[in-house]
């Protein structure tokens, strides 16, 4: 799999259309919930027939976006929306953080343990971004991934 240099945007996530498969789940904003988020994503995408690479990349992206929401906001709950068409996946992680403090890629130090998450998201995504929620009480970090989904 070739890594891309994803386009970042501050706009809303791309529309998938009415025929897309969709799933939503809500978990507490707790570091222990990150593993549960990964498991739920894998279950949904596997049941939809998403190829192995697509599942692996989606689990990585959810892990990074969900962890950012837990660590960098005072959210109580985090919502994850998944969408799939035959050739792409859309992952959206919505928290109760301020859009003004939207996550941005950072330079990680050589031996540091933090600062690589959004760089990974950028590397494996076709496009990614952050947008305010419709009600203004949070933000959504999203990533569009290329994947093969069984019809």
Protein backbone atom coordinates (compact mmCIF):
# COMPACT_ATOMS: atom_id res chain seq x y z
CA UNK A 1 0.00 0.00 0.00
CA UNK A 2 1.41 3.37 -0.98
CA UNK A 3 1.08 6.21 1.50
CA UNK A 4 -0.33 9.45 0.22
CA UNK A 5 0.03 13.05 1.29
CA UNK A 6 -3.57 13.72 2.24
CA UNK A 7 -5.28 17.00 1.70
CA UNK A 8 -6.39 18.63 4.94
CA UNK A 9 -9.47 20.78 5.05
CA UNK A 10 -11.44 22.73 7.59
CA UNK A 11 -14.68 22.03 5.76
CA UNK A 12 -17.27 19.37 6.37
CA UNK A 13 -16.57 15.74 5.52
CA UNK A 14 -17.45 14.57 2.02
CA UNK A 15 -20.94 13.26 1.35
CA UNK A 16 -21.21 9.53 0.65
CA UNK A 17 -24.67 9.37 -0.85
CA UNK A 18 -27.83 7.61 0.24
CA UNK A 19 -26.68 4.11 -0.72
CA UNK A 20 -23.67 4.14 1.63
CA UNK A 21 -23.55 1.72 4.54
CA UNK A 22 -23.53 3.56 7.86
CA UNK A 23 -22.98 2.84 11.52
CA UNK A 24 -22.74 5.03 14.61
CA UNK A 25 -21.67 4.33 18.15
CA UNK A 26 -21.09 6.46 21.24
CA UNK A 27 -18.53 5.72 23.94
CA UNK A 28 -17.34 7.48 27.08
CA UNK A 29 -14.39 9.80 26.62
CA UNK A 30 -12.06 7.53 28.51
CA UNK A 31 -8.72 6.10 27.46
CA UNK A 32 -10.09 2.60 28.12
CA UNK A 33 -12.76 3.20 25.47
CA UNK A 34 -10.18 3.54 22.68
CA UNK A 35 -9.80 -0.24 22.45
CA UNK A 36 -13.58 -0.65 22.38
CA UNK A 37 -13.76 1.87 19.51
CA UNK A 38 -11.18 -0.13 17.55
CA UNK A 39 -13.13 -3.36 18.12
CA UNK A 40 -16.43 -1.82 17.02
CA UNK A 41 -14.91 -0.38 13.86
CA UNK A 42 -13.38 -3.73 12.96
CA UNK A 43 -16.71 -5.53 13.57
CA UNK A 44 -18.71 -3.13 11.39
CA UNK A 45 -16.23 -2.94 8.54
CA UNK A 46 -15.62 -6.69 8.50
CA UNK A 47 -19.37 -7.33 8.33
CA UNK A 48 -19.58 -4.94 5.37
CA UNK A 49 -16.87 -6.85 3.51
CA UNK A 50 -14.18 -4.18 3.71
CA UNK A 51 -10.82 -5.58 2.60
CA UNK A 52 -8.16 -6.33 5.22
CA UNK A 53 -5.99 -3.29 4.43
CA UNK A 54 -9.03 -1.03 4.64
CA UNK A 55 -9.97 -2.45 8.04
CA UNK A 56 -6.44 -2.09 9.38
CA UNK A 57 -6.12 1.51 8.23
CA UNK A 58 -9.58 2.44 9.55
CA UNK A 59 -8.77 0.95 12.96
CA UNK A 60 -5.54 2.98 13.06
CA UNK A 61 -7.35 6.19 12.11
CA UNK A 62 -10.14 5.69 14.66
CA UNK A 63 -7.58 4.93 17.33
CA UNK A 64 -5.70 8.17 16.64
CA UNK A 65 -8.76 10.42 16.31
CA UNK A 66 -10.51 8.90 19.32
CA UNK A 67 -7.36 9.19 21.45
CA UNK A 68 -7.00 12.87 20.48
CA UNK A 69 -10.55 13.50 21.63
CA UNK A 70 -9.93 11.76 24.95
CA UNK A 71 -6.59 13.42 25.66
CA UNK A 72 -7.14 16.93 24.31
CA UNK A 73 -10.75 17.75 25.22
CA UNK A 74 -12.92 17.72 28.31
CA UNK A 75 -15.53 15.63 26.49
CA UNK A 76 -17.77 13.25 28.39
CA UNK A 77 -18.85 11.26 25.32
CA UNK A 78 -17.39 10.68 21.86
CA UNK A 79 -19.42 9.66 18.82
CA UNK A 80 -17.99 7.70 15.93
CA UNK A 81 -19.76 7.61 12.55
CA UNK A 82 -18.67 5.15 9.88
CA UNK A 83 -19.69 5.18 6.25
CA UNK A 84 -18.72 2.98 3.32
CA UNK A 85 -19.26 2.97 -0.41
CA UNK A 86 -17.74 0.37 -2.78
CA UNK A 87 -14.45 2.27 -2.99
CA UNK A 88 -14.09 4.44 0.11
CA UNK A 89 -14.61 4.73 3.83
CA UNK A 90 -15.49 7.80 5.84
CA UNK A 91 -14.63 7.95 9.52
CA UNK A 92 -15.94 10.77 11.70
CA UNK A 93 -15.11 11.22 15.38
CA UNK A 94 -17.15 13.88 17.14
CA UNK A 95 -16.26 15.22 20.57
CA UNK A 96 -17.37 18.09 22.77
CA UNK A 97 -14.21 20.11 22.18
CA UNK A 98 -13.95 23.59 20.80
CA UNK A 99 -13.54 23.96 17.06
CA UNK A 100 -11.15 26.86 17.73
CA UNK A 101 -8.72 24.37 19.29
CA UNK A 102 -8.94 21.93 16.38
CA UNK A 103 -6.20 19.31 16.18
CA UNK A 104 -3.29 19.97 13.84
CA UNK A 105 -0.30 17.79 12.96
CA UNK A 106 2.73 18.39 15.19
CA UNK A 107 6.41 17.59 14.84
CA UNK A 108 7.32 14.76 17.15
CA UNK A 109 10.68 14.64 18.82
CA UNK A 110 12.89 11.72 17.94
CA UNK A 111 12.26 9.90 21.22
CA UNK A 112 8.93 11.51 22.15
CA UNK A 113 5.81 9.42 22.64
CA UNK A 114 3.36 12.01 21.32
CA UNK A 115 2.88 14.07 18.18
CA UNK A 116 2.62 11.40 15.51
CA UNK A 117 -1.09 10.59 15.47
CA UNK A 118 -2.32 13.15 12.97
CA UNK A 119 0.76 12.61 10.82
CA UNK A 120 -0.34 8.96 10.57
CA UNK A 121 -3.91 10.01 9.75
CA UNK A 122 -2.57 12.36 7.08
CA UNK A 123 -0.33 9.64 5.62
CA UNK A 124 -3.03 6.99 5.23
CA UNK A 125 -5.99 9.18 4.26
CA UNK A 126 -7.14 10.46 0.92
CA UNK A 127 -8.46 13.58 2.64
CA UNK A 128 -8.96 14.51 6.27
CA UNK A 129 -10.13 17.49 8.21
CA UNK A 130 -11.87 19.01 11.18
CA UNK A 131 -15.19 20.83 11.20
CA UNK A 132 -17.47 22.28 13.86
CA UNK A 133 -20.61 20.34 14.71
CA UNK A 134 -23.89 21.68 13.36
CA UNK A 135 -25.02 22.81 16.82
CA UNK A 136 -21.63 24.41 17.55
CA UNK A 137 -21.14 22.36 20.71
CA UNK A 138 -18.21 20.33 19.47
CA UNK A 139 -16.06 19.35 16.55
CA UNK A 140 -15.73 16.46 14.16
CA UNK A 141 -12.39 15.12 12.98
CA UNK A 142 -12.85 13.04 9.85
CA UNK A 143 -10.85 11.03 7.37
CA UNK A 144 -11.71 9.66 3.94
CA UNK A 145 -9.93 6.40 3.13
CA UNK A 146 -9.69 4.40 -0.05
CA UNK A 147 -10.83 0.81 0.45
CA UNK A 148 -12.48 -2.03 -1.36
CA UNK A 149 -15.91 -2.86 0.02
CA UNK A 150 -17.82 -5.92 -1.14
CA UNK A 151 -21.12 -4.93 -2.72
